[in-house]
Amino acid sequence: MQPYLQLASLRLATTTIPLPGKLYSAAAANLLPTTSEAAMSAAMAYIVPCAAALTILAALLRWAYRWSHPSSKGKLPPGSMGVPLLGETMQFFAPNPTCDVSPFVKERVRRYGSIFKTSIVGRPVVVSADPDMNYFVFQQEGKLFESWYPDTFTEIFGRDNVGSLHGFMYKYLKTLVLRLYGQENLKAVLVAETDAACRRSLDAWAAQPGVELKEGLSTMIFDLTAKKLIGYDPSKSSESLRKNFVSFIRGLISFPLNIPGTAYHECMEGRKNAMKVLRSMMKERMADPERRSEDFFDHVIQELRREKPLLTETIALDLMFVLLFASFETTALALTLGVKLLTDNPKVVDALREEHDAIARNRKDPDAPVTWAEYRSMTFTNQVIMEMVRLANIVPGIFRKALQDVEIKGYTIPAGWGIMVCPPAVHLNPDIYEDPLAFNPWRWQDKPEITGGTKHFMAFGGGLRFCVGTDFSRVLMATFIHSLVTKYSWRTVKGGNVVRTPGLGFPDGFHIQLFPRN
């Protein structure tokens, strides 16, 4: 009965069961761990997470080492890959408040030489400030190299943009675009239309107390080119297409952080809204088979309607987006800097006036529009334009990708790596251009006309991808200069300071006041 009496005395609150001494001792011996087992458990609880942490740390260190010491079958160019993932992206986008070569490139050229490796937005890139290598890269387009831009640029311009297409498709699109910007159409139509647009804008600006030149030029050129490209008339549109492009441009060359409030996010939103307008236009025109061809977009629609079209709607839309952007922004920036350079160099303005006054005097009607023959006679003006675009360096880098391991200049560029040709490093090289930061149009005197990219001049690109809008940009700049110097004088009101991030910008604008010339 004793065991039952002990069971009856169980106190549930403390869950204690009295047991005989021997029985309790035996139970305790079986249930409680020994001192050595407890120590072992404590040690294992410490060792396992430490071992896991050390394993992860070792893997991270190995990954970081492989990032900073990329493998290659040959000798890589010297340089630094920066911190993992980020690379040297922050340094690449650091502001530069001068027209000189960016500190990012200048410091590395001084440290490593004219060819160095780096990492930008997560991709390994070889940067070239070497004229011979640049020329070689352009000439080997489609053989050893192909056009390439970092993923962030591809997101901005579209995965089927003309810069990302190769071979036959690129040549096909280039031929298509030359219908608008080729010399035949320039002679027949565009010279007169650009001259008229410049006259209208300058007349309007002269009636105001001042104009922010970059904004004014952007509006003038956008309205002209958008009308030719898509028949766009801002006075009849319920939505400002240019406003979307302005948002796009603000973050075009910015750190690729796509969260609300950043310049890059604003850029992507601008692209999305502009593409919405273009997509709506395409849908409307595709639904109207009787529509007559009135602009370049109509020609693109005709290509889409072919029985076996080469174009897709996505390629067509990305093409129109890139053309709208490239047609106005780059030229507006170059002209804005050009007028600032003219303002600071009155001797150049005097020489321009001598040339253009002579052109006007030789006309039956001094106020007649500029003709193609007159444009071709503007010898000094062409020298001024060459010097403007050399110093403007609108494109800070031209990207290509190695299709296979390439041996050049004693280095190996691994297959798949990017190559960034750096035009500013060539255009501002004192070994090539004497006093390179000086605005000196006479340096181009008696030199043959440049109709493509060369080793020492690549403001409009080079090789197969020499800019198809080059002639249009030159015509527009020449006709603007003609009206400006023959009819007006001007003074700076405020602004004019530049910053490169790395693209050219005017953070405070460039405000001028125009006066009718006596």
Protein backbone atom coordinates (compact mmCIF):
# COMPACT_ATOMS: atom_id res chain seq x y z
CA MET A 1 0.00 0.00 0.00
CA GLN A 2 2.92 2.31 0.57
CA PRO A 3 3.44 3.19 -3.08
CA TYR A 4 -0.23 4.06 -3.43
CA LEU A 5 -0.11 6.26 -0.34
CA GLN A 6 2.91 8.06 -1.80
CA LEU A 7 1.03 8.55 -5.07
CA ALA A 8 -1.89 9.99 -3.10
CA SER A 9 0.46 12.54 -1.55
CA LEU A 10 1.44 13.94 -5.06
CA ARG A 11 1.36 17.75 -5.09
CA LEU A 12 0.36 18.80 -8.58
CA ALA A 13 1.40 22.44 -8.24
CA THR A 14 5.09 21.55 -7.87
CA THR A 15 4.93 18.27 -9.80
CA THR A 16 7.01 16.62 -7.12
CA ILE A 17 6.73 12.87 -6.57
CA PRO A 18 8.43 11.64 -3.41
CA LEU A 19 10.41 8.44 -4.11
CA PRO A 20 12.51 6.16 -1.97
CA GLY A 21 16.13 7.24 -1.64
CA LYS A 22 17.65 4.40 -3.69
CA LEU A 23 15.01 4.68 -6.40
CA TYR A 24 15.51 8.48 -6.62
CA SER A 25 19.25 8.17 -6.86
CA ALA A 26 18.98 5.67 -9.69
CA ALA A 27 16.49 7.84 -11.57
CA ALA A 28 18.67 10.92 -11.15
CA ALA A 29 21.68 9.06 -12.41
CA ASN A 30 19.78 8.09 -15.60
CA LEU A 31 18.03 11.41 -16.24
CA LEU A 32 20.64 14.14 -15.44
CA PRO A 33 23.60 14.65 -17.82
CA THR A 34 27.08 14.23 -16.55
CA THR A 35 29.37 17.21 -16.19
CA SER A 36 31.33 16.22 -19.32
CA GLU A 37 28.15 15.89 -21.43
CA ALA A 38 26.93 19.32 -20.33
CA ALA A 39 30.28 20.86 -21.22
CA MET A 40 30.20 19.15 -24.61
CA SER A 41 26.72 20.49 -25.36
CA ALA A 42 27.74 24.02 -24.41
CA ALA A 43 30.83 23.79 -26.58
CA MET A 44 28.84 22.54 -29.57
CA ALA A 45 26.32 25.36 -29.17
CA TYR A 46 29.25 27.79 -29.55
CA ILE A 47 31.28 25.96 -32.19
CA VAL A 48 28.50 25.34 -34.77
CA PRO A 49 27.51 29.01 -35.34
CA CYS A 50 31.17 30.07 -35.25
CA ALA A 51 32.03 27.48 -37.87
CA ALA A 52 29.09 28.61 -40.02
CA ALA A 53 30.15 32.25 -39.68
CA LEU A 54 33.76 31.42 -40.58
CA THR A 55 32.58 29.44 -43.62
CA ILE A 56 30.45 32.36 -44.82
CA LEU A 57 33.29 34.82 -44.15
CA ALA A 58 35.75 32.64 -46.07
CA ALA A 59 33.32 32.43 -49.00
CA LEU A 60 32.85 36.21 -48.96
CA LEU A 61 36.58 36.82 -48.82
CA ARG A 62 37.14 34.41 -51.70
CA TRP A 63 34.39 36.12 -53.70
CA ALA A 64 35.84 39.57 -52.91
CA TYR A 65 39.30 38.40 -53.94
CA ARG A 66 37.99 36.99 -57.21
CA TRP A 67 36.12 40.28 -57.81
CA SER A 68 39.26 42.37 -57.31
CA HIS A 69 41.48 39.85 -59.17
CA PRO A 70 39.41 38.72 -62.17
CA SER A 71 40.74 35.74 -64.08
CA SER A 72 42.12 36.07 -67.58
CA LYS A 73 44.00 33.91 -70.07
CA GLY A 74 46.43 36.78 -70.58
CA LYS A 75 47.62 39.99 -68.95
CA LEU A 76 44.81 42.30 -67.89
CA PRO A 77 45.30 46.06 -68.02
CA PRO A 78 46.26 47.62 -64.65
CA GLY A 79 43.56 49.22 -62.52
CA SER A 80 41.14 48.60 -59.70
CA MET A 81 37.78 46.85 -59.73
CA GLY A 82 36.63 48.84 -56.69
CA VAL A 83 34.37 47.36 -54.04
CA PRO A 84 32.32 44.25 -54.87
CA LEU A 85 29.12 44.86 -56.84
CA LEU A 86 29.43 48.65 -56.71
CA GLY A 87 32.86 48.77 -58.31
CA GLU A 88 33.96 52.35 -58.98
CA THR A 89 30.50 53.54 -59.99
CA MET A 90 30.38 56.34 -57.41
CA GLN A 91 33.70 57.76 -58.61
CA PHE A 92 32.56 57.53 -62.25
CA PHE A 93 29.45 59.62 -61.55
CA ALA A 94 31.22 62.17 -59.31
CA PRO A 95 30.54 65.77 -60.50
CA ASN A 96 33.26 67.58 -62.42
CA PRO A 97 32.76 71.39 -62.57
CA THR A 98 35.11 71.93 -65.54
CA CYS A 99 35.39 71.22 -69.25
CA ASP A 100 38.51 69.17 -68.56
CA VAL A 101 38.75 65.37 -68.52
CA SER A 102 36.90 63.94 -65.53
CA PRO A 103 38.98 63.28 -62.39
CA PHE A 104 37.88 59.64 -62.61
CA VAL A 105 39.70 59.20 -65.93
CA LYS A 106 42.52 61.69 -65.39
CA GLU A 107 43.66 60.19 -62.06
CA ARG A 108 43.63 56.65 -63.41
CA VAL A 109 45.46 57.56 -66.61
CA ARG A 110 48.13 59.19 -64.49
CA ARG A 111 48.34 56.12 -62.22
CA TYR A 112 47.89 53.24 -64.68
CA GLY A 113 48.39 54.65 -68.17
CA SER A 114 45.99 55.29 -71.07
CA ILE A 115 44.41 51.81 -70.82
CA PHE A 116 43.04 50.60 -67.48
CA LYS A 117 40.44 48.27 -66.03
CA THR A 118 37.61 49.18 -63.69
CA SER A 119 34.05 48.16 -62.82
CA ILE A 120 31.02 50.36 -63.50
CA VAL A 121 27.47 49.48 -62.38
CA GLY A 122 28.56 45.92 -61.68
CA ARG A 123 30.30 45.18 -64.98
CA PRO A 124 34.04 44.80 -65.71
CA VAL A 125 35.15 47.48 -68.17
CA VAL A 126 38.41 48.41 -69.88
CA VAL A 127 38.66 52.19 -70.32
CA SER A 128 40.70 53.44 -73.28
CA ALA A 129 42.18 56.93 -73.56
CA ASP A 130 44.52 55.63 -76.24
CA PRO A 131 43.79 56.95 -79.79
CA ASP A 132 45.18 53.86 -81.54
CA MET A 133 43.16 51.45 -79.43
CA ASN A 134 40.01 53.55 -79.86
CA TYR A 135 40.38 53.49 -83.63
CA PHE A 136 41.03 49.73 -83.58
CA VAL A 137 37.88 49.11 -81.50
CA PHE A 138 35.73 51.15 -83.92
CA GLN A 139 37.18 49.45 -86.99
CA GLN A 140 36.57 45.97 -85.55
CA GLU A 141 32.84 46.53 -85.04
CA GLY A 142 31.01 43.28 -85.76
CA LYS A 143 34.25 41.26 -85.77
CA LEU A 144 36.00 41.48 -82.42
CA PHE A 145 33.62 43.96 -80.76
CA GLU A 146 29.96 44.92 -80.82
CA SER A 147 27.97 47.87 -79.55
CA TRP A 148 27.13 47.50 -75.88
CA TYR A 149 25.96 49.64 -72.98
CA PRO A 150 25.57 48.81 -69.29
CA ASP A 151 22.26 47.24 -68.29
CA THR A 152 21.04 50.51 -66.74
CA PHE A 153 21.46 52.32 -70.07
CA THR A 154 19.62 49.52 -71.84
CA GLU A 155 16.73 49.86 -69.38
CA ILE A 156 16.63 53.60 -70.08
CA PHE A 157 16.67 53.43 -73.89
CA GLY A 158 14.88 50.11 -74.30
CA ARG A 159 16.25 46.63 -74.89
CA ASP A 160 15.56 46.89 -78.61
CA ASN A 161 17.03 50.36 -79.11
CA VAL A 162 19.17 50.94 -82.18
CA GLY A 163 22.37 50.98 -80.11
CA SER A 164 21.73 47.41 -78.95
CA LEU A 165 21.04 46.00 -82.42
CA HIS A 166 23.73 44.52 -84.64
CA GLY A 167 24.49 43.38 -88.15
CA PHE A 168 21.79 43.57 -90.80
CA MET A 169 19.11 45.00 -88.50
CA TYR A 170 21.32 47.94 -87.48
CA LYS A 171 22.23 48.69 -91.13
CA TYR A 172 18.55 48.46 -92.09
CA LEU A 173 17.53 50.98 -89.41
CA LYS A 174 20.42 53.28 -90.32
CA THR A 175 19.26 53.32 -93.95
CA LEU A 176 15.73 54.05 -92.77
CA VAL A 177 16.84 57.00 -90.62
CA LEU A 178 18.94 58.47 -93.45
CA ARG A 179 15.70 59.07 -95.34
CA LEU A 180 15.17 61.89 -92.88
CA TYR A 181 18.67 63.01 -91.91
CA GLY A 182 20.61 62.17 -95.10
CA GLN A 183 22.11 64.87 -97.29
CA GLU A 184 19.39 64.64 -99.96
CA ASN A 185 16.66 65.61 -97.50
CA LEU A 186 18.92 68.18 -95.87
CA LYS A 187 19.42 69.93 -99.22
CA ALA A 188 15.80 69.68 -100.25
CA VAL A 189 14.01 70.51 -97.01
CA LEU A 190 15.87 70.69 -93.73
CA VAL A 191 18.26 73.60 -94.38
CA ALA A 192 15.36 75.97 -95.02
CA GLU A 193 13.30 74.57 -92.14
CA THR A 194 16.13 74.82 -89.59
CA ASP A 195 16.89 78.37 -90.74
CA ALA A 196 13.23 79.36 -90.30
CA ALA A 197 13.06 77.78 -86.83
CA CYS A 198 16.22 79.61 -85.70
CA ARG A 199 14.92 82.96 -86.97
CA ARG A 200 11.56 82.54 -85.22
CA SER A 201 13.15 81.59 -81.92
CA LEU A 202 15.75 84.36 -81.92
CA ASP A 203 13.09 86.95 -82.81
CA ALA A 204 10.95 85.76 -79.89
CA TRP A 205 13.87 85.74 -77.45
CA ALA A 206 14.92 89.26 -78.47
CA ALA A 207 11.50 90.51 -77.40
CA GLN A 208 12.06 89.19 -73.87
CA PRO A 209 14.27 90.61 -71.10
CA GLY A 210 16.24 87.36 -71.13
CA VAL A 211 16.20 83.71 -72.12
CA GLU A 212 17.68 80.60 -70.55
CA LEU A 213 19.54 79.44 -73.63
CA LYS A 214 19.67 75.69 -72.97
CA GLU A 215 15.92 75.59 -72.34
CA GLY A 216 15.19 77.80 -75.34
CA LEU A 217 17.37 75.76 -77.70
CA SER A 218 15.96 72.47 -76.43
CA THR A 219 12.40 73.67 -77.06
CA MET A 220 13.27 75.02 -80.52
CA ILE A 221 15.04 71.87 -81.67
CA PHE A 222 12.53 69.49 -80.09
CA ASP A 223 9.57 71.21 -81.76
CA LEU A 224 11.39 71.08 -85.11
CA THR A 225 12.51 67.46 -84.93
CA ALA A 226 9.36 66.11 -83.27
CA LYS A 227 7.30 67.58 -86.10
CA LYS A 228 9.54 65.86 -88.68
CA LEU A 229 9.63 62.59 -86.76
CA ILE A 230 6.06 62.18 -85.51
CA GLY A 231 4.12 65.21 -86.77
CA TYR A 232 4.02 66.51 -83.22
CA ASP A 233 2.48 69.95 -82.69
CA PRO A 234 2.74 71.10 -79.04
CA SER A 235 -0.05 73.66 -79.52
CA LYS A 236 -2.50 70.89 -80.47
CA SER A 237 -1.41 68.24 -77.98
CA SER A 238 -3.15 67.68 -74.65
CA GLU A 239 0.08 66.29 -73.15
CA SER A 240 3.53 67.84 -73.26
CA LEU A 241 5.74 65.18 -74.80
CA ARG A 242 8.84 67.30 -74.25
CA LYS A 243 8.04 67.52 -70.53
CA ASN A 244 8.43 63.75 -70.33
CA PHE A 245 11.77 63.94 -72.13
CA VAL A 246 12.96 66.65 -69.74
CA SER A 247 12.22 64.31 -66.83
CA PHE A 248 14.00 61.55 -68.71
CA ILE A 249 17.10 63.68 -69.36
CA ARG A 250 17.50 64.84 -65.74
CA GLY A 251 18.36 61.34 -64.65
CA LEU A 252 19.85 59.97 -67.86
CA ILE A 253 23.43 59.84 -66.61
CA SER A 254 22.86 59.42 -62.89
CA PHE A 255 23.50 56.76 -60.27
CA PRO A 256 21.15 53.85 -61.14
CA LEU A 257 19.00 53.81 -57.99
CA ASN A 258 15.39 53.33 -59.05
CA ILE A 259 13.45 54.47 -55.99
CA PRO A 260 11.04 57.43 -55.77
CA GLY A 261 12.83 60.73 -55.28
CA THR A 262 15.98 59.81 -57.21
CA ALA A 263 16.99 61.27 -60.58
CA TYR A 264 17.14 57.78 -62.07
CA HIS A 265 13.55 57.04 -60.99
CA GLU A 266 12.43 60.34 -62.56
CA CYS A 267 14.25 59.31 -65.72
CA MET A 268 12.46 55.96 -65.90
CA GLU A 269 9.08 57.60 -65.25
CA GLY A 270 9.78 60.09 -68.04
CA ARG A 271 10.56 57.24 -70.42
CA LYS A 272 7.41 55.36 -69.41
CA ASN A 273 5.20 58.38 -70.04
CA ALA A 274 6.87 59.25 -73.36
CA MET A 275 6.51 55.65 -74.55
CA LYS A 276 2.83 55.77 -73.60
CA VAL A 277 2.34 58.75 -75.95
CA LEU A 278 4.27 57.04 -78.77
CA ARG A 279 2.40 53.76 -78.29
CA SER A 280 -0.93 55.61 -78.51
CA MET A 281 0.18 57.32 -81.73
CA MET A 282 1.23 54.00 -83.23
CA LYS A 283 -2.08 52.34 -82.36
CA GLU A 284 -4.03 55.20 -83.91
CA ARG A 285 -1.99 55.16 -87.15
CA MET A 286 -1.99 51.39 -87.50
CA ALA A 287 -5.78 51.50 -87.35
CA ASP A 288 -5.92 53.97 -90.28
CA PRO A 289 -4.60 52.22 -93.43
CA GLU A 290 -5.70 55.18 -95.61
CA ARG A 291 -3.47 57.67 -93.80
CA ARG A 292 -0.98 59.48 -96.05
CA SER A 293 2.71 59.57 -95.15
CA GLU A 294 3.39 62.93 -93.57
CA ASP A 295 6.37 62.25 -91.28
CA PHE A 296 9.06 59.73 -90.45
CA PHE A 297 6.76 57.74 -88.14
CA ASP A 298 4.44 57.12 -91.10
CA HIS A 299 7.36 55.57 -93.01
CA VAL A 300 8.03 53.32 -90.01
CA ILE A 301 4.35 52.31 -89.93
CA GLN A 302 4.59 51.39 -93.61
CA GLU A 303 7.53 49.12 -92.82
CA LEU A 304 5.46 47.43 -90.10
CA ARG A 305 2.61 46.83 -92.55
CA ARG A 306 4.77 44.84 -94.95
CA GLU A 307 3.82 41.22 -95.56
CA LYS A 308 7.04 40.07 -93.88
CA PRO A 309 8.19 43.09 -91.86
CA LEU A 310 11.74 43.28 -90.55
CA LEU A 311 10.63 45.64 -87.80
CA THR A 312 8.69 44.74 -84.69
CA GLU A 313 6.49 47.24 -82.87
CA THR A 314 8.92 47.22 -79.93
CA ILE A 315 11.92 48.02 -82.14
CA ALA A 316 9.92 50.74 -83.91
CA LEU A 317 8.88 52.40 -80.65
CA ASP A 318 12.39 52.25 -79.18
CA LEU A 319 13.75 53.73 -82.44
CA MET A 320 11.35 56.68 -82.29
CA PHE A 321 12.17 57.26 -78.63
CA VAL A 322 15.94 57.32 -79.24
CA LEU A 323 15.60 59.58 -82.30
CA LEU A 324 13.45 62.09 -80.41
CA PHE A 325 16.01 62.24 -77.61
CA ALA A 326 19.18 62.28 -79.72
CA SER A 327 17.83 64.80 -82.22
CA PHE A 328 17.50 67.66 -79.77
CA GLU A 329 19.33 67.18 -76.48
CA THR A 330 22.89 66.66 -77.69
CA THR A 331 22.77 69.55 -80.18
CA ALA A 332 21.14 71.89 -77.64
CA LEU A 333 23.91 71.18 -75.12
CA ALA A 334 26.68 71.71 -77.68
CA LEU A 335 25.15 74.97 -78.91
CA THR A 336 24.64 76.30 -75.39
CA LEU A 337 28.28 75.72 -74.55
CA GLY A 338 29.19 77.10 -77.97
CA VAL A 339 27.43 80.41 -77.36
CA LYS A 340 29.13 80.67 -73.96
CA LEU A 341 32.49 80.13 -75.66
CA LEU A 342 31.64 82.79 -78.25
CA THR A 343 30.64 85.18 -75.46
CA ASP A 344 34.05 84.73 -73.86
CA ASN A 345 35.90 85.06 -77.18
CA PRO A 346 34.76 88.19 -79.08
CA LYS A 347 37.57 87.75 -81.62
CA VAL A 348 35.84 84.59 -82.85
CA VAL A 349 32.51 86.42 -83.07
CA ASP A 350 34.14 89.13 -85.23
CA ALA A 351 35.52 86.50 -87.61
CA LEU A 352 32.11 84.80 -87.82
CA ARG A 353 30.39 88.10 -88.59
CA GLU A 354 32.85 88.78 -91.38
CA GLU A 355 32.00 85.45 -93.00
CA HIS A 356 28.23 85.65 -92.54
CA ASP A 357 27.86 89.33 -93.45
CA ALA A 358 29.60 88.50 -96.73
CA ILE A 359 27.07 85.70 -97.35
CA ALA A 360 24.15 88.05 -96.69
CA ARG A 361 25.61 90.78 -98.96
CA ASN A 362 25.87 88.35 -101.88
CA ARG A 363 22.13 87.64 -101.83
CA LYS A 364 19.58 89.51 -103.86
CA ASP A 365 17.47 89.56 -100.70
CA PRO A 366 19.62 89.86 -97.54
CA ASP A 367 16.78 88.30 -95.51
CA ALA A 368 16.43 85.24 -97.73
CA PRO A 369 16.81 81.86 -96.03
CA VAL A 370 20.14 80.04 -95.95
CA THR A 371 20.71 77.78 -98.94
CA TRP A 372 22.68 74.54 -99.13
CA ALA A 373 25.37 76.25 -101.22
CA GLU A 374 25.71 79.00 -98.60
CA TYR A 375 25.96 76.43 -95.84
CA ARG A 376 28.73 74.62 -97.70
CA SER A 377 30.61 77.92 -98.07
CA MET A 378 30.77 78.55 -94.30
CA THR A 379 34.40 77.51 -93.91
CA PHE A 380 35.22 79.31 -90.68
CA THR A 381 31.82 78.43 -89.21
CA ASN A 382 32.62 74.76 -89.73
CA GLN A 383 35.89 75.26 -87.86
CA VAL A 384 33.98 76.91 -85.00
CA ILE A 385 31.50 74.01 -84.86
CA MET A 386 34.35 71.48 -84.78
CA GLU A 387 35.92 73.33 -81.87
CA MET A 388 32.59 73.61 -80.05
CA VAL A 389 31.88 69.89 -80.17
CA ARG A 390 35.50 69.03 -79.34
CA LEU A 391 35.24 70.99 -76.09
CA ALA A 392 31.62 70.05 -75.37
CA ASN A 393 32.35 66.31 -75.29
CA ILE A 394 28.65 65.58 -75.06
CA VAL A 395 29.29 61.82 -75.03
CA PRO A 396 31.68 61.02 -72.13
CA GLY A 397 32.06 57.38 -73.15
CA ILE A 398 31.30 55.13 -76.13
CA PHE A 399 30.78 51.50 -75.13
CA ARG A 400 31.61 48.26 -76.90
CA LYS A 401 31.84 44.62 -75.78
CA ALA A 402 34.54 42.07 -76.63
CA LEU A 403 33.11 39.12 -78.56
CA GLN A 404 36.22 37.02 -77.83
CA ASP A 405 39.51 37.38 -75.99
CA VAL A 406 41.28 40.29 -77.70
CA GLU A 407 45.03 40.93 -77.53
CA ILE A 408 45.94 44.60 -77.93
CA LYS A 409 48.73 46.87 -76.74
CA GLY A 410 50.22 44.01 -74.68
CA TYR A 411 46.97 43.39 -72.76
CA THR A 412 44.14 40.88 -72.98
CA ILE A 413 40.52 42.02 -72.98
CA PRO A 414 38.49 38.93 -71.94
CA ALA A 415 35.44 37.93 -73.93
CA GLY A 416 32.31 39.55 -72.52
CA TRP A 417 34.11 42.51 -70.94
CA GLY A 418 32.99 46.03 -71.79
CA ILE A 419 35.25 48.62 -73.41
CA MET A 420 34.67 52.31 -72.84
CA VAL A 421 36.27 54.54 -75.46
CA CYS A 422 36.81 57.93 -73.80
CA PRO A 423 36.54 60.80 -76.36
CA PRO A 424 37.32 63.61 -73.84
CA ALA A 425 40.69 62.02 -73.02
CA VAL A 426 41.60 62.28 -76.72
CA HIS A 427 40.01 65.66 -77.46
CA LEU A 428 41.75 67.26 -74.46
CA ASN A 429 45.11 65.54 -74.84
CA PRO A 430 47.90 68.17 -74.99
CA ASP A 431 50.00 65.82 -77.11
CA ILE A 432 47.30 65.99 -79.80
CA TYR A 433 45.81 69.49 -79.37
CA GLU A 434 48.02 72.36 -78.31
CA ASP A 435 46.53 74.18 -75.29
CA PRO A 436 43.55 71.79 -75.44
CA LEU A 437 41.20 73.73 -73.13
CA ALA A 438 41.53 76.91 -75.24
CA PHE A 439 38.70 77.73 -77.66
CA ASN A 440 40.70 78.11 -80.86
CA PRO A 441 38.77 77.44 -84.11
CA TRP A 442 41.85 78.35 -86.15
CA ARG A 443 43.45 75.06 -85.10
CA TRP A 444 41.20 73.43 -87.76
CA GLN A 445 42.33 75.78 -90.53
CA ASP A 446 43.58 74.11 -93.73
CA LYS A 447 42.71 70.66 -92.36
CA PRO A 448 40.58 68.30 -94.47
CA GLU A 449 36.89 68.04 -93.63
CA ILE A 450 36.16 65.21 -91.21
CA THR A 451 33.30 63.06 -92.45
CA GLY A 452 33.75 60.18 -89.99
CA GLY A 453 35.46 59.29 -86.75
CA THR A 454 39.26 59.50 -86.71
CA LYS A 455 41.93 58.60 -84.18
CA HIS A 456 41.96 62.16 -82.86
CA PHE A 457 38.34 63.26 -83.32
CA MET A 458 35.29 61.23 -82.35
CA ALA A 459 32.69 63.74 -81.19
CA PHE A 460 30.17 62.00 -83.46
CA GLY A 461 31.36 58.45 -82.79
CA GLY A 462 33.31 56.30 -85.19
CA GLY A 463 33.36 53.23 -87.37
CA LEU A 464 30.09 51.72 -88.58
CA ARG A 465 28.17 53.61 -85.90
CA PHE A 466 29.23 57.12 -86.86
CA CYS A 467 26.21 59.26 -85.91
CA VAL A 468 23.62 59.39 -88.71
CA GLY A 469 22.44 62.79 -87.44
CA THR A 470 25.87 64.44 -87.76
CA ASP A 471 25.05 66.45 -90.89
CA PHE A 472 21.72 67.58 -89.44
CA SER A 473 23.41 68.77 -86.22
CA ARG A 474 26.01 70.71 -88.18
CA VAL A 475 23.38 72.33 -90.39
CA LEU A 476 21.33 73.34 -87.38
CA MET A 477 24.32 74.80 -85.54
CA ALA A 478 25.45 76.69 -88.67
CA THR A 479 22.03 78.19 -89.41
CA PHE A 480 21.63 79.24 -85.77
CA ILE A 481 25.06 80.90 -85.76
CA HIS A 482 24.19 82.66 -89.05
CA SER A 483 21.04 84.30 -87.66
CA LEU A 484 22.66 85.01 -84.28
CA VAL A 485 25.76 86.87 -85.51
CA THR A 486 24.16 88.69 -88.46
CA LYS A 487 21.13 90.04 -86.60
CA TYR A 488 21.95 90.20 -82.88
CA SER A 489 24.39 91.08 -80.15
CA TRP A 490 24.02 89.55 -76.69
CA ARG A 491 25.23 89.65 -73.13
CA THR A 492 25.30 87.18 -70.28
CA VAL A 493 22.67 87.77 -67.59
CA LYS A 494 23.62 84.94 -65.23
CA GLY A 495 24.73 81.32 -65.09
CA GLY A 496 26.92 79.58 -67.59
CA ASN A 497 28.89 77.40 -65.17
CA VAL A 498 29.16 73.79 -66.26
CA VAL A 499 29.15 70.46 -64.43
CA ARG A 500 29.74 66.97 -65.78
CA THR A 501 28.23 63.93 -64.02
CA PRO A 502 29.76 62.71 -66.36
CA GLY A 503 27.48 64.19 -69.05
CA LEU A 504 27.50 67.95 -69.66
CA GLY A 505 25.02 70.08 -67.73
CA PHE A 506 24.36 73.69 -66.73
CA PRO A 507 23.15 73.59 -63.11
CA ASP A 508 22.30 77.32 -63.06
CA GLY A 509 21.35 77.54 -66.71
CA PHE A 510 22.87 80.05 -69.10
CA HIS A 511 20.75 83.21 -69.26
CA ILE A 512 21.45 85.76 -71.99
CA GLN A 513 19.81 88.92 -73.29
CA LEU A 514 19.60 89.58 -77.03
CA PHE A 515 19.78 92.99 -78.73
CA PRO A 516 19.06 93.78 -82.39
CA ARG A 517 22.37 94.40 -84.11
CA ASN A 518 22.87 97.86 -85.60
